[in-house]
Amino acid sequence: MDEKVFFQHDGVKVTNARFVVDAQTFSMSNVTSIKPATEAPSRLMLIVVLIVGLMIALNYLWFGIAVVAVAAFLLYNQKTYFHIFLNTAGGETKALSTVDKEYFNQVIAALNQAIVHRG
């Protein structure tokens, strides 16, 4: 039986026989299920720093503005992480993490196609 490729990009390859992530290979025959997960960043501390920076700006304008600017920059640059967990007979393994939602969705779709194709 020929190996059918469902997805291949940036060191990730999904076929009907295996799931390759960089140097790690998972046999699709051992995968019982796929669990996607989303990890949103905690923004509470940076919001507190932003508010404190605004209060500091009332007395020490430039220092307060600097604190607000750093907090706003860090808030803006926080990313949501998307994870793919594989369930096998050996347990659950985090196979892939990315900040690119489209890429994540493509890998999930390819893994589902590989499981369906496997039968």
N, C-alpha and C. Protein backbone atom coordinates (compact mmCIF):
# COMPACT_ATOMS: atom_id res chain seq x y z
N MET A 1 0.85 -1.18 0.00
CA MET A 1 0.00 0.00 0.00
C MET A 1 0.89 1.24 0.00
N ASP A 2 0.62 2.15 -0.90
CA ASP A 2 1.39 3.37 -1.02
C ASP A 2 1.05 4.33 0.11
N GLU A 3 2.05 5.10 0.48
CA GLU A 3 1.85 6.10 1.53
C GLU A 3 1.28 7.37 0.89
N LYS A 4 0.11 7.80 1.37
CA LYS A 4 -0.56 8.98 0.83
C LYS A 4 -0.26 10.17 1.74
N VAL A 5 0.23 11.26 1.17
CA VAL A 5 0.57 12.46 1.92
C VAL A 5 -0.65 13.38 1.97
N PHE A 6 -1.07 13.75 3.20
CA PHE A 6 -2.21 14.66 3.37
C PHE A 6 -1.76 16.09 3.64
N PHE A 7 -0.57 16.25 4.21
CA PHE A 7 -0.06 17.58 4.53
C PHE A 7 1.45 17.51 4.66
N GLN A 8 2.14 18.54 4.14
CA GLN A 8 3.59 18.62 4.29
C GLN A 8 3.99 20.08 4.24
N HIS A 9 4.58 20.57 5.33
CA HIS A 9 5.02 21.96 5.39
C HIS A 9 5.89 22.18 6.62
N ASP A 10 7.02 22.85 6.46
CA ASP A 10 7.91 23.25 7.56
C ASP A 10 8.23 22.14 8.56
N GLY A 11 8.69 21.02 8.09
CA GLY A 11 9.10 19.95 8.99
C GLY A 11 7.96 19.11 9.54
N VAL A 12 6.74 19.38 9.10
CA VAL A 12 5.57 18.59 9.53
C VAL A 12 5.03 17.86 8.32
N LYS A 13 4.83 16.56 8.49
CA LYS A 13 4.30 15.74 7.41
C LYS A 13 3.25 14.79 7.98
N VAL A 14 2.09 14.77 7.34
CA VAL A 14 1.01 13.86 7.75
C VAL A 14 0.72 12.94 6.58
N THR A 15 0.86 11.64 6.80
CA THR A 15 0.52 10.64 5.80
C THR A 15 -0.45 9.65 6.44
N ASN A 16 -0.91 8.71 5.65
CA ASN A 16 -1.80 7.69 6.22
C ASN A 16 -1.05 6.76 7.16
N ALA A 17 0.28 6.73 7.11
CA ALA A 17 1.07 5.83 7.93
C ALA A 17 1.77 6.51 9.10
N ARG A 18 2.10 7.82 8.96
CA ARG A 18 2.87 8.47 10.03
C ARG A 18 2.61 9.96 10.10
N PHE A 19 2.94 10.51 11.25
CA PHE A 19 2.86 11.94 11.51
C PHE A 19 4.26 12.36 11.96
N VAL A 20 4.92 13.16 11.15
CA VAL A 20 6.30 13.56 11.44
C VAL A 20 6.31 15.04 11.83
N VAL A 21 6.88 15.32 13.01
CA VAL A 21 7.05 16.69 13.48
C VAL A 21 8.53 16.87 13.76
N ASP A 22 9.19 17.64 12.90
CA ASP A 22 10.64 17.83 12.96
C ASP A 22 11.32 16.46 12.97
N ALA A 23 11.95 16.07 14.06
CA ALA A 23 12.68 14.80 14.08
C ALA A 23 11.89 13.68 14.77
N GLN A 24 10.67 13.96 15.19
CA GLN A 24 9.87 12.96 15.90
C GLN A 24 8.81 12.39 14.96
N THR A 25 8.68 11.06 14.97
CA THR A 25 7.71 10.38 14.10
C THR A 25 6.73 9.60 14.95
N PHE A 26 5.44 9.77 14.66
CA PHE A 26 4.37 9.04 15.31
C PHE A 26 3.73 8.12 14.28
N SER A 27 3.53 6.89 14.63
CA SER A 27 2.86 5.95 13.74
C SER A 27 1.36 6.19 13.83
N MET A 28 0.73 6.42 12.69
CA MET A 28 -0.72 6.70 12.69
C MET A 28 -1.52 5.48 13.13
N SER A 29 -0.96 4.29 13.00
CA SER A 29 -1.68 3.09 13.45
C SER A 29 -1.80 3.05 14.98
N ASN A 30 -0.93 3.79 15.69
CA ASN A 30 -0.98 3.84 17.15
C ASN A 30 -1.83 4.99 17.68
N VAL A 31 -2.18 5.93 16.82
CA VAL A 31 -2.96 7.09 17.25
C VAL A 31 -4.42 6.70 17.38
N THR A 32 -4.97 6.87 18.59
CA THR A 32 -6.38 6.54 18.81
C THR A 32 -7.28 7.76 18.67
N SER A 33 -6.74 8.94 19.02
CA SER A 33 -7.52 10.17 18.85
C SER A 33 -6.59 11.38 18.86
N ILE A 34 -7.14 12.49 18.39
CA ILE A 34 -6.42 13.76 18.33
C ILE A 34 -7.19 14.76 19.17
N LYS A 35 -6.47 15.50 19.99
CA LYS A 35 -7.13 16.51 20.81
C LYS A 35 -6.49 17.87 20.56
N PRO A 36 -7.21 18.78 19.90
CA PRO A 36 -6.69 20.14 19.74
C PRO A 36 -6.93 20.93 21.02
N ALA A 37 -6.02 21.83 21.35
CA ALA A 37 -6.16 22.66 22.54
C ALA A 37 -5.65 24.06 22.23
N THR A 38 -6.25 25.03 22.91
CA THR A 38 -5.86 26.43 22.75
C THR A 38 -5.40 26.96 24.10
N GLU A 39 -4.28 27.67 24.11
CA GLU A 39 -3.73 28.25 25.32
C GLU A 39 -3.63 29.76 25.14
N ALA A 40 -4.58 30.48 25.72
CA ALA A 40 -4.57 31.94 25.64
C ALA A 40 -3.61 32.49 26.69
N PRO A 41 -2.88 33.54 26.35
CA PRO A 41 -1.93 34.10 27.31
C PRO A 41 -2.65 34.81 28.45
N SER A 42 -2.02 34.85 29.60
CA SER A 42 -2.57 35.57 30.74
C SER A 42 -2.22 37.05 30.59
N ARG A 43 -3.22 37.88 30.56
CA ARG A 43 -2.99 39.31 30.34
C ARG A 43 -3.18 40.15 31.60
N LEU A 44 -3.62 39.54 32.67
CA LEU A 44 -3.97 40.28 33.89
C LEU A 44 -2.80 41.11 34.42
N MET A 45 -1.62 40.52 34.55
CA MET A 45 -0.49 41.24 35.12
C MET A 45 -0.10 42.44 34.26
N LEU A 46 -0.12 42.27 32.95
CA LEU A 46 0.24 43.39 32.08
C LEU A 46 -0.81 44.50 32.12
N ILE A 47 -2.06 44.15 32.31
CA ILE A 47 -3.11 45.17 32.45
C ILE A 47 -2.91 45.95 33.75
N VAL A 48 -2.54 45.24 34.82
CA VAL A 48 -2.24 45.91 36.09
C VAL A 48 -1.06 46.86 35.92
N VAL A 49 0.00 46.42 35.24
CA VAL A 49 1.17 47.27 35.00
C VAL A 49 0.77 48.49 34.16
N LEU A 50 -0.08 48.30 33.20
CA LEU A 50 -0.56 49.40 32.36
C LEU A 50 -1.30 50.44 33.21
N ILE A 51 -2.17 49.99 34.10
CA ILE A 51 -2.93 50.89 34.97
C ILE A 51 -1.98 51.62 35.93
N VAL A 52 -1.04 50.89 36.51
CA VAL A 52 -0.05 51.51 37.40
C VAL A 52 0.77 52.54 36.63
N GLY A 53 1.13 52.23 35.41
CA GLY A 53 1.87 53.18 34.57
C GLY A 53 1.09 54.46 34.33
N LEU A 54 -0.22 54.33 34.13
CA LEU A 54 -1.07 55.51 33.96
C LEU A 54 -1.08 56.35 35.23
N MET A 55 -1.13 55.71 36.39
CA MET A 55 -1.11 56.44 37.66
C MET A 55 0.25 57.10 37.89
N ILE A 56 1.32 56.40 37.53
CA ILE A 56 2.66 56.98 37.66
C ILE A 56 2.79 58.20 36.75
N ALA A 57 2.18 58.16 35.59
CA ALA A 57 2.27 59.26 34.62
C ALA A 57 1.67 60.55 35.17
N LEU A 58 0.79 60.45 36.16
CA LEU A 58 0.21 61.66 36.75
C LEU A 58 1.27 62.48 37.49
N ASN A 59 2.27 61.81 38.07
CA ASN A 59 3.32 62.51 38.83
C ASN A 59 4.65 62.57 38.09
N TYR A 60 4.99 61.49 37.40
CA TYR A 60 6.27 61.41 36.69
C TYR A 60 5.96 61.05 35.24
N LEU A 61 5.67 62.08 34.47
CA LEU A 61 5.12 61.91 33.12
C LEU A 61 5.92 60.95 32.25
N TRP A 62 7.20 61.20 32.05
CA TRP A 62 7.97 60.39 31.10
C TRP A 62 8.18 58.97 31.59
N PHE A 63 8.39 58.79 32.87
CA PHE A 63 8.56 57.43 33.40
C PHE A 63 7.24 56.66 33.26
N GLY A 64 6.13 57.31 33.57
CA GLY A 64 4.81 56.68 33.44
C GLY A 64 4.50 56.31 32.01
N ILE A 65 4.85 57.21 31.09
CA ILE A 65 4.62 56.93 29.67
C ILE A 65 5.47 55.74 29.22
N ALA A 66 6.70 55.66 29.71
CA ALA A 66 7.57 54.54 29.35
C ALA A 66 6.99 53.21 29.86
N VAL A 67 6.49 53.20 31.09
CA VAL A 67 5.89 51.99 31.65
C VAL A 67 4.65 51.59 30.84
N VAL A 68 3.82 52.56 30.52
CA VAL A 68 2.61 52.30 29.72
C VAL A 68 3.00 51.77 28.34
N ALA A 69 4.01 52.36 27.72
CA ALA A 69 4.43 51.93 26.38
C ALA A 69 4.94 50.49 26.40
N VAL A 70 5.75 50.14 27.39
CA VAL A 70 6.27 48.77 27.48
C VAL A 70 5.14 47.78 27.72
N ALA A 71 4.24 48.11 28.65
CA ALA A 71 3.12 47.21 28.94
C ALA A 71 2.22 47.05 27.70
N ALA A 72 1.95 48.14 27.00
CA ALA A 72 1.10 48.07 25.80
C ALA A 72 1.77 47.24 24.71
N PHE A 73 3.08 47.41 24.54
CA PHE A 73 3.83 46.64 23.55
C PHE A 73 3.76 45.14 23.87
N LEU A 74 3.99 44.80 25.13
CA LEU A 74 3.96 43.39 25.53
C LEU A 74 2.55 42.79 25.39
N LEU A 75 1.53 43.58 25.74
CA LEU A 75 0.15 43.11 25.56
C LEU A 75 -0.16 42.84 24.10
N TYR A 76 0.27 43.74 23.25
CA TYR A 76 0.01 43.61 21.82
C TYR A 76 0.71 42.39 21.22
N ASN A 77 1.88 42.07 21.72
CA ASN A 77 2.68 40.99 21.14
C ASN A 77 2.43 39.61 21.76
N GLN A 78 1.55 39.51 22.73
CA GLN A 78 1.23 38.20 23.28
C GLN A 78 0.47 37.38 22.25
N LYS A 79 0.78 36.11 22.20
CA LYS A 79 0.17 35.21 21.20
C LYS A 79 -0.58 34.08 21.88
N THR A 80 -1.63 33.63 21.22
CA THR A 80 -2.34 32.44 21.64
C THR A 80 -1.64 31.24 21.03
N TYR A 81 -1.40 30.22 21.83
CA TYR A 81 -0.74 29.00 21.34
C TYR A 81 -1.79 27.93 21.07
N PHE A 82 -1.58 27.21 19.99
CA PHE A 82 -2.45 26.10 19.61
C PHE A 82 -1.63 24.81 19.71
N HIS A 83 -2.18 23.82 20.39
CA HIS A 83 -1.47 22.56 20.63
C HIS A 83 -2.25 21.40 20.03
N ILE A 84 -1.52 20.39 19.58
CA ILE A 84 -2.12 19.14 19.12
C ILE A 84 -1.61 18.04 20.04
N PHE A 85 -2.55 17.38 20.70
CA PHE A 85 -2.23 16.24 21.55
C PHE A 85 -2.68 14.97 20.85
N LEU A 86 -1.80 13.96 20.85
CA LEU A 86 -2.13 12.66 20.28
C LEU A 86 -2.36 11.68 21.42
N ASN A 87 -3.46 10.96 21.35
CA ASN A 87 -3.71 9.88 22.31
C ASN A 87 -3.31 8.57 21.65
N THR A 88 -2.47 7.83 22.33
CA THR A 88 -2.03 6.52 21.86
C THR A 88 -2.18 5.53 23.00
N ALA A 89 -1.84 4.29 22.74
CA ALA A 89 -1.89 3.28 23.80
C ALA A 89 -0.92 3.62 24.92
N GLY A 90 0.13 4.37 24.59
CA GLY A 90 1.13 4.76 25.58
C GLY A 90 0.76 6.00 26.37
N GLY A 91 -0.36 6.64 26.06
CA GLY A 91 -0.78 7.84 26.77
C GLY A 91 -0.94 9.02 25.83
N GLU A 92 -1.04 10.20 26.44
CA GLU A 92 -1.24 11.43 25.68
C GLU A 92 0.10 12.15 25.51
N THR A 93 0.34 12.64 24.28
CA THR A 93 1.59 13.32 23.96
C THR A 93 1.29 14.62 23.24
N LYS A 94 1.98 15.71 23.67
CA LYS A 94 1.86 16.97 22.93
C LYS A 94 2.77 16.85 21.71
N ALA A 95 2.17 16.78 20.54
CA ALA A 95 2.92 16.54 19.31
C ALA A 95 3.35 17.82 18.61
N LEU A 96 2.54 18.87 18.71
CA LEU A 96 2.83 20.09 17.95
C LEU A 96 2.26 21.29 18.68
N SER A 97 3.01 22.38 18.70
CA SER A 97 2.55 23.66 19.22
C SER A 97 2.90 24.74 18.21
N THR A 98 1.96 25.67 18.01
CA THR A 98 2.18 26.75 17.06
C THR A 98 1.33 27.96 17.45
N VAL A 99 1.69 29.11 16.92
CA VAL A 99 0.88 30.32 17.12
C VAL A 99 0.05 30.63 15.87
N ASP A 100 0.27 29.89 14.81
CA ASP A 100 -0.43 30.10 13.54
C ASP A 100 -1.70 29.25 13.49
N LYS A 101 -2.84 29.91 13.64
CA LYS A 101 -4.12 29.19 13.71
C LYS A 101 -4.45 28.47 12.40
N GLU A 102 -4.18 29.09 11.27
CA GLU A 102 -4.48 28.46 9.97
C GLU A 102 -3.65 27.19 9.79
N TYR A 103 -2.37 27.29 10.09
CA TYR A 103 -1.46 26.14 10.01
C TYR A 103 -1.95 25.02 10.92
N PHE A 104 -2.33 25.38 12.14
CA PHE A 104 -2.88 24.43 13.12
C PHE A 104 -4.11 23.73 12.55
N ASN A 105 -5.03 24.49 11.98
CA ASN A 105 -6.26 23.90 11.42
C ASN A 105 -5.96 22.97 10.25
N GLN A 106 -4.96 23.31 9.44
CA GLN A 106 -4.58 22.45 8.32
C GLN A 106 -4.00 21.12 8.81
N VAL A 107 -3.18 21.17 9.85
CA VAL A 107 -2.60 19.94 10.40
C VAL A 107 -3.69 19.08 11.02
N ILE A 108 -4.61 19.69 11.76
CA ILE A 108 -5.73 18.94 12.37
C ILE A 108 -6.55 18.26 11.27
N ALA A 109 -6.88 18.99 10.21
CA ALA A 109 -7.67 18.42 9.11
C ALA A 109 -6.93 17.26 8.46
N ALA A 110 -5.62 17.42 8.26
CA ALA A 110 -4.83 16.35 7.65
C ALA A 110 -4.78 15.12 8.55
N LEU A 111 -4.63 15.32 9.85
CA LEU A 111 -4.61 14.19 10.78
C LEU A 111 -5.96 13.46 10.77
N ASN A 112 -7.04 14.22 10.73
CA ASN A 112 -8.36 13.59 10.66
C ASN A 112 -8.53 12.80 9.37
N GLN A 113 -8.05 13.35 8.26
CA GLN A 113 -8.12 12.63 6.98
C GLN A 113 -7.29 11.35 7.05
N ALA A 114 -6.13 11.41 7.68
CA ALA A 114 -5.27 10.22 7.79
C ALA A 114 -5.93 9.14 8.62
N ILE A 115 -6.62 9.53 9.68
CA ILE A 115 -7.31 8.54 10.51
C ILE A 115 -8.47 7.92 9.75
N VAL A 116 -9.23 8.73 9.03
CA VAL A 116 -10.36 8.22 8.23
C VAL A 116 -9.83 7.30 7.13
N HIS A 117 -8.77 7.69 6.47
CA HIS A 117 -8.20 6.91 5.39
C HIS A 117 -7.70 5.56 5.88
N ARG A 118 -7.18 5.56 7.09
CA ARG A 118 -6.66 4.34 7.70
C ARG A 118 -7.78 3.32 7.95
N GLY A 119 -8.98 3.84 8.24
CA GLY A 119 -10.13 2.94 8.42
C GLY A 119 -10.36 2.44 9.78
